[in-house]
Amino acid sequence: MTHEELANYIVVDHGVRFGKPCIKGTRIAVGDIFQWLSAGMTNQEIIADFPELKEIHIRAALAFAATRDAITEIAVYEAAS
C-alpha cells in the first residue's frame, strides 16, 4: 500500500486521540488494532465488535506499521537538514 493509499484510511488529527494515527472517520487508533490482533482477535472478531471497520482498515493499519520506520527516517532526515 502506497503512502497515498494509506492517507485514504489513516489520519493524524491532533484533536482526536491526542494525535495518534487513527482510522479515518473513527476514533479507533492504529495501536488499538495492533493490541486486538496481538491479543489473538481475528480480523472477523474485530470487525464484529467494531462494525465501522472493514478488512481494508486492518490491512491499512498493518501497512502503516510496516512503513512507519521509513516515514520516521524521512522525518528525522528532514528535521536534521
N, C-alpha and C. Protein backbone atom coordinates (compact mmCIF):
# COMPACT_ATOMS: atom_id res chain seq x y z
N MET A 1 0.86 -1.17 0.00
CA MET A 1 0.00 0.00 0.00
C MET A 1 0.91 1.24 0.00
N THR A 2 0.64 2.17 -0.91
CA THR A 2 1.46 3.37 -1.00
C THR A 2 1.07 4.38 0.08
N HIS A 3 1.92 5.38 0.25
CA HIS A 3 1.61 6.42 1.23
C HIS A 3 0.31 7.14 0.87
N GLU A 4 0.08 7.32 -0.43
CA GLU A 4 -1.16 7.97 -0.86
C GLU A 4 -2.38 7.11 -0.52
N GLU A 5 -2.25 5.81 -0.72
CA GLU A 5 -3.36 4.92 -0.37
C GLU A 5 -3.59 4.90 1.14
N LEU A 6 -2.50 4.90 1.91
CA LEU A 6 -2.64 4.93 3.37
C LEU A 6 -3.40 6.17 3.82
N ALA A 7 -3.16 7.28 3.15
CA ALA A 7 -3.83 8.53 3.52
C ALA A 7 -5.35 8.45 3.34
N ASN A 8 -5.81 7.49 2.53
CA ASN A 8 -7.25 7.28 2.39
C ASN A 8 -7.86 6.63 3.62
N TYR A 9 -7.04 5.99 4.44
CA TYR A 9 -7.54 5.20 5.56
C TYR A 9 -7.00 5.63 6.92
N ILE A 10 -5.82 6.22 6.96
CA ILE A 10 -5.18 6.59 8.23
C ILE A 10 -5.04 8.11 8.27
N VAL A 11 -5.39 8.69 9.41
CA VAL A 11 -5.28 10.14 9.57
C VAL A 11 -4.69 10.44 10.94
N VAL A 12 -3.93 11.53 11.00
CA VAL A 12 -3.42 12.03 12.27
C VAL A 12 -4.02 13.41 12.47
N ASP A 13 -4.85 13.51 13.50
CA ASP A 13 -5.52 14.77 13.82
C ASP A 13 -5.23 15.03 15.30
N HIS A 14 -4.54 16.12 15.58
CA HIS A 14 -4.15 16.39 16.96
C HIS A 14 -5.34 16.59 17.89
N GLY A 15 -6.52 16.79 17.34
CA GLY A 15 -7.72 16.92 18.15
C GLY A 15 -8.43 15.60 18.42
N VAL A 16 -7.91 14.51 17.85
CA VAL A 16 -8.51 13.19 18.02
C VAL A 16 -7.47 12.25 18.60
N ARG A 17 -7.77 11.68 19.74
CA ARG A 17 -6.91 10.69 20.41
C ARG A 17 -5.48 11.21 20.57
N PHE A 18 -5.36 12.50 20.88
CA PHE A 18 -4.06 13.14 21.14
C PHE A 18 -3.09 13.00 19.97
N GLY A 19 -3.63 12.97 18.76
CA GLY A 19 -2.78 12.93 17.57
C GLY A 19 -2.27 11.55 17.19
N LYS A 20 -2.82 10.52 17.81
CA LYS A 20 -2.43 9.16 17.43
C LYS A 20 -2.98 8.87 16.03
N PRO A 21 -2.25 8.09 15.23
CA PRO A 21 -2.80 7.69 13.92
C PRO A 21 -4.08 6.89 14.14
N CYS A 22 -5.15 7.30 13.46
CA CYS A 22 -6.46 6.66 13.59
C CYS A 22 -7.01 6.29 12.23
N ILE A 23 -7.95 5.36 12.25
CA ILE A 23 -8.68 5.03 11.04
C ILE A 23 -9.56 6.23 10.71
N LYS A 24 -9.46 6.70 9.50
CA LYS A 24 -10.18 7.90 9.06
C LYS A 24 -11.68 7.76 9.33
N GLY A 25 -12.26 8.81 9.91
CA GLY A 25 -13.68 8.83 10.20
C GLY A 25 -14.07 8.12 11.48
N THR A 26 -13.08 7.65 12.23
CA THR A 26 -13.34 6.97 13.51
C THR A 26 -12.40 7.53 14.57
N ARG A 27 -12.58 7.08 15.78
CA ARG A 27 -11.64 7.39 16.86
C ARG A 27 -10.83 6.13 17.20
N ILE A 28 -10.81 5.18 16.29
CA ILE A 28 -10.08 3.93 16.51
C ILE A 28 -8.64 4.12 16.06
N ALA A 29 -7.72 4.02 17.02
CA ALA A 29 -6.30 4.21 16.74
C ALA A 29 -5.71 2.95 16.11
N VAL A 30 -4.71 3.20 15.28
CA VAL A 30 -3.97 2.08 14.68
C VAL A 30 -3.44 1.18 15.79
N GLY A 31 -2.96 1.78 16.87
CA GLY A 31 -2.46 0.99 18.00
C GLY A 31 -3.52 0.10 18.63
N ASP A 32 -4.77 0.54 18.62
CA ASP A 32 -5.86 -0.29 19.13
C ASP A 32 -5.94 -1.59 18.33
N ILE A 33 -5.86 -1.44 17.02
CA ILE A 33 -5.95 -2.61 16.14
C ILE A 33 -4.80 -3.57 16.43
N PHE A 34 -3.59 -3.02 16.62
CA PHE A 34 -2.44 -3.88 16.95
C PHE A 34 -2.66 -4.62 18.26
N GLN A 35 -3.21 -3.92 19.25
CA GLN A 35 -3.46 -4.57 20.55
C GLN A 35 -4.46 -5.70 20.40
N TRP A 36 -5.53 -5.47 19.64
CA TRP A 36 -6.52 -6.52 19.47
C TRP A 36 -5.93 -7.71 18.74
N LEU A 37 -5.16 -7.46 17.69
CA LEU A 37 -4.52 -8.57 16.96
C LEU A 37 -3.54 -9.31 17.85
N SER A 38 -2.75 -8.58 18.62
CA SER A 38 -1.76 -9.25 19.48
C SER A 38 -2.42 -10.02 20.62
N ALA A 39 -3.65 -9.64 20.97
CA ALA A 39 -4.40 -10.37 22.00
C ALA A 39 -5.04 -11.64 21.43
N GLY A 40 -4.90 -11.82 20.11
CA GLY A 40 -5.42 -13.04 19.50
C GLY A 40 -6.74 -12.88 18.77
N MET A 41 -7.27 -11.66 18.72
CA MET A 41 -8.52 -11.46 17.99
C MET A 41 -8.27 -11.64 16.49
N THR A 42 -9.23 -12.20 15.82
CA THR A 42 -9.15 -12.33 14.37
C THR A 42 -9.71 -11.05 13.74
N ASN A 43 -9.42 -10.86 12.47
CA ASN A 43 -9.98 -9.72 11.75
C ASN A 43 -11.51 -9.73 11.86
N GLN A 44 -12.10 -10.90 11.71
CA GLN A 44 -13.55 -11.02 11.76
C GLN A 44 -14.10 -10.64 13.13
N GLU A 45 -13.41 -11.01 14.19
CA GLU A 45 -13.86 -10.65 15.54
C GLU A 45 -13.77 -9.13 15.76
N ILE A 46 -12.69 -8.53 15.26
CA ILE A 46 -12.54 -7.08 15.40
C ILE A 46 -13.67 -6.37 14.67
N ILE A 47 -13.93 -6.80 13.44
CA ILE A 47 -14.99 -6.18 12.64
C ILE A 47 -16.36 -6.40 13.28
N ALA A 48 -16.58 -7.55 13.88
CA ALA A 48 -17.86 -7.81 14.56
C ALA A 48 -18.03 -6.87 15.75
N ASP A 49 -16.95 -6.60 16.49
CA ASP A 49 -17.01 -5.71 17.64
C ASP A 49 -17.06 -4.24 17.24
N PHE A 50 -16.47 -3.91 16.11
CA PHE A 50 -16.39 -2.53 15.63
C PHE A 50 -16.82 -2.50 14.17
N PRO A 51 -18.13 -2.52 13.92
CA PRO A 51 -18.65 -2.65 12.56
C PRO A 51 -18.28 -1.49 11.63
N GLU A 52 -17.80 -0.37 12.18
CA GLU A 52 -17.35 0.73 11.33
C GLU A 52 -16.03 0.39 10.63
N LEU A 53 -15.35 -0.65 11.12
CA LEU A 53 -14.12 -1.10 10.49
C LEU A 53 -14.41 -2.11 9.39
N LYS A 54 -13.57 -2.08 8.39
CA LYS A 54 -13.62 -3.04 7.29
C LYS A 54 -12.25 -3.71 7.21
N GLU A 55 -12.19 -4.79 6.48
CA GLU A 55 -10.94 -5.53 6.30
C GLU A 55 -9.82 -4.60 5.80
N ILE A 56 -10.14 -3.68 4.90
CA ILE A 56 -9.14 -2.77 4.34
C ILE A 56 -8.54 -1.88 5.42
N HIS A 57 -9.31 -1.54 6.44
CA HIS A 57 -8.80 -0.72 7.53
C HIS A 57 -7.73 -1.47 8.33
N ILE A 58 -7.96 -2.75 8.55
CA ILE A 58 -6.99 -3.56 9.29
C ILE A 58 -5.72 -3.72 8.45
N ARG A 59 -5.88 -3.95 7.15
CA ARG A 59 -4.71 -4.05 6.27
C ARG A 59 -3.96 -2.73 6.21
N ALA A 60 -4.69 -1.61 6.21
CA ALA A 60 -4.05 -0.30 6.19
C ALA A 60 -3.25 -0.07 7.48
N ALA A 61 -3.79 -0.50 8.61
CA ALA A 61 -3.07 -0.37 9.88
C ALA A 61 -1.78 -1.17 9.84
N LEU A 62 -1.84 -2.37 9.31
CA LEU A 62 -0.63 -3.19 9.20
C LEU A 62 0.37 -2.57 8.23
N ALA A 63 -0.12 -2.04 7.12
CA ALA A 63 0.76 -1.39 6.15
C ALA A 63 1.39 -0.14 6.77
N PHE A 64 0.63 0.58 7.56
CA PHE A 64 1.15 1.76 8.24
C PHE A 64 2.32 1.36 9.14
N ALA A 65 2.15 0.29 9.88
CA ALA A 65 3.22 -0.18 10.77
C ALA A 65 4.44 -0.60 9.95
N ALA A 66 4.20 -1.24 8.83
CA ALA A 66 5.31 -1.71 8.00
C ALA A 66 6.11 -0.56 7.41
N THR A 67 5.45 0.56 7.15
CA THR A 67 6.14 1.71 6.54
C THR A 67 6.52 2.77 7.55
N ARG A 68 6.16 2.59 8.78
CA ARG A 68 6.39 3.61 9.81
C ARG A 68 7.87 3.93 9.96
N ASP A 69 8.74 2.94 9.92
CA ASP A 69 10.17 3.18 10.04
C ASP A 69 10.66 4.09 8.92
N ALA A 70 10.20 3.84 7.71
CA ALA A 70 10.62 4.67 6.58
C ALA A 70 10.11 6.10 6.76
N ILE A 71 8.89 6.25 7.23
CA ILE A 71 8.32 7.58 7.45
C ILE A 71 9.12 8.31 8.52
N THR A 72 9.46 7.61 9.59
CA THR A 72 10.24 8.21 10.68
C THR A 72 11.62 8.63 10.19
N GLU A 73 12.26 7.77 9.40
CA GLU A 73 13.59 8.10 8.87
C GLU A 73 13.54 9.35 8.00
N ILE A 74 12.50 9.50 7.18
CA ILE A 74 12.35 10.67 6.34
C ILE A 74 12.18 11.92 7.21
N ALA A 75 11.34 11.83 8.23
CA ALA A 75 11.09 12.97 9.11
C ALA A 75 12.35 13.38 9.86
N VAL A 76 13.12 12.41 10.34
CA VAL A 76 14.35 12.70 11.06
C VAL A 76 15.36 13.35 10.11
N TYR A 77 15.46 12.84 8.91
CA TYR A 77 16.38 13.39 7.92
C TYR A 77 16.02 14.83 7.58
N GLU A 78 14.71 15.08 7.36
CA GLU A 78 14.26 16.44 7.02
C GLU A 78 14.49 17.39 8.18
N ALA A 79 14.30 16.94 9.40
CA ALA A 79 14.49 17.80 10.57
C ALA A 79 15.98 18.16 10.75
N ALA A 80 16.85 17.23 10.37
CA ALA A 80 18.28 17.46 10.51
C ALA A 80 18.84 18.35 9.41
N SER A 81 18.10 18.47 8.31
CA SER A 81 18.58 19.26 7.16
C SER A 81 18.46 20.74 7.40
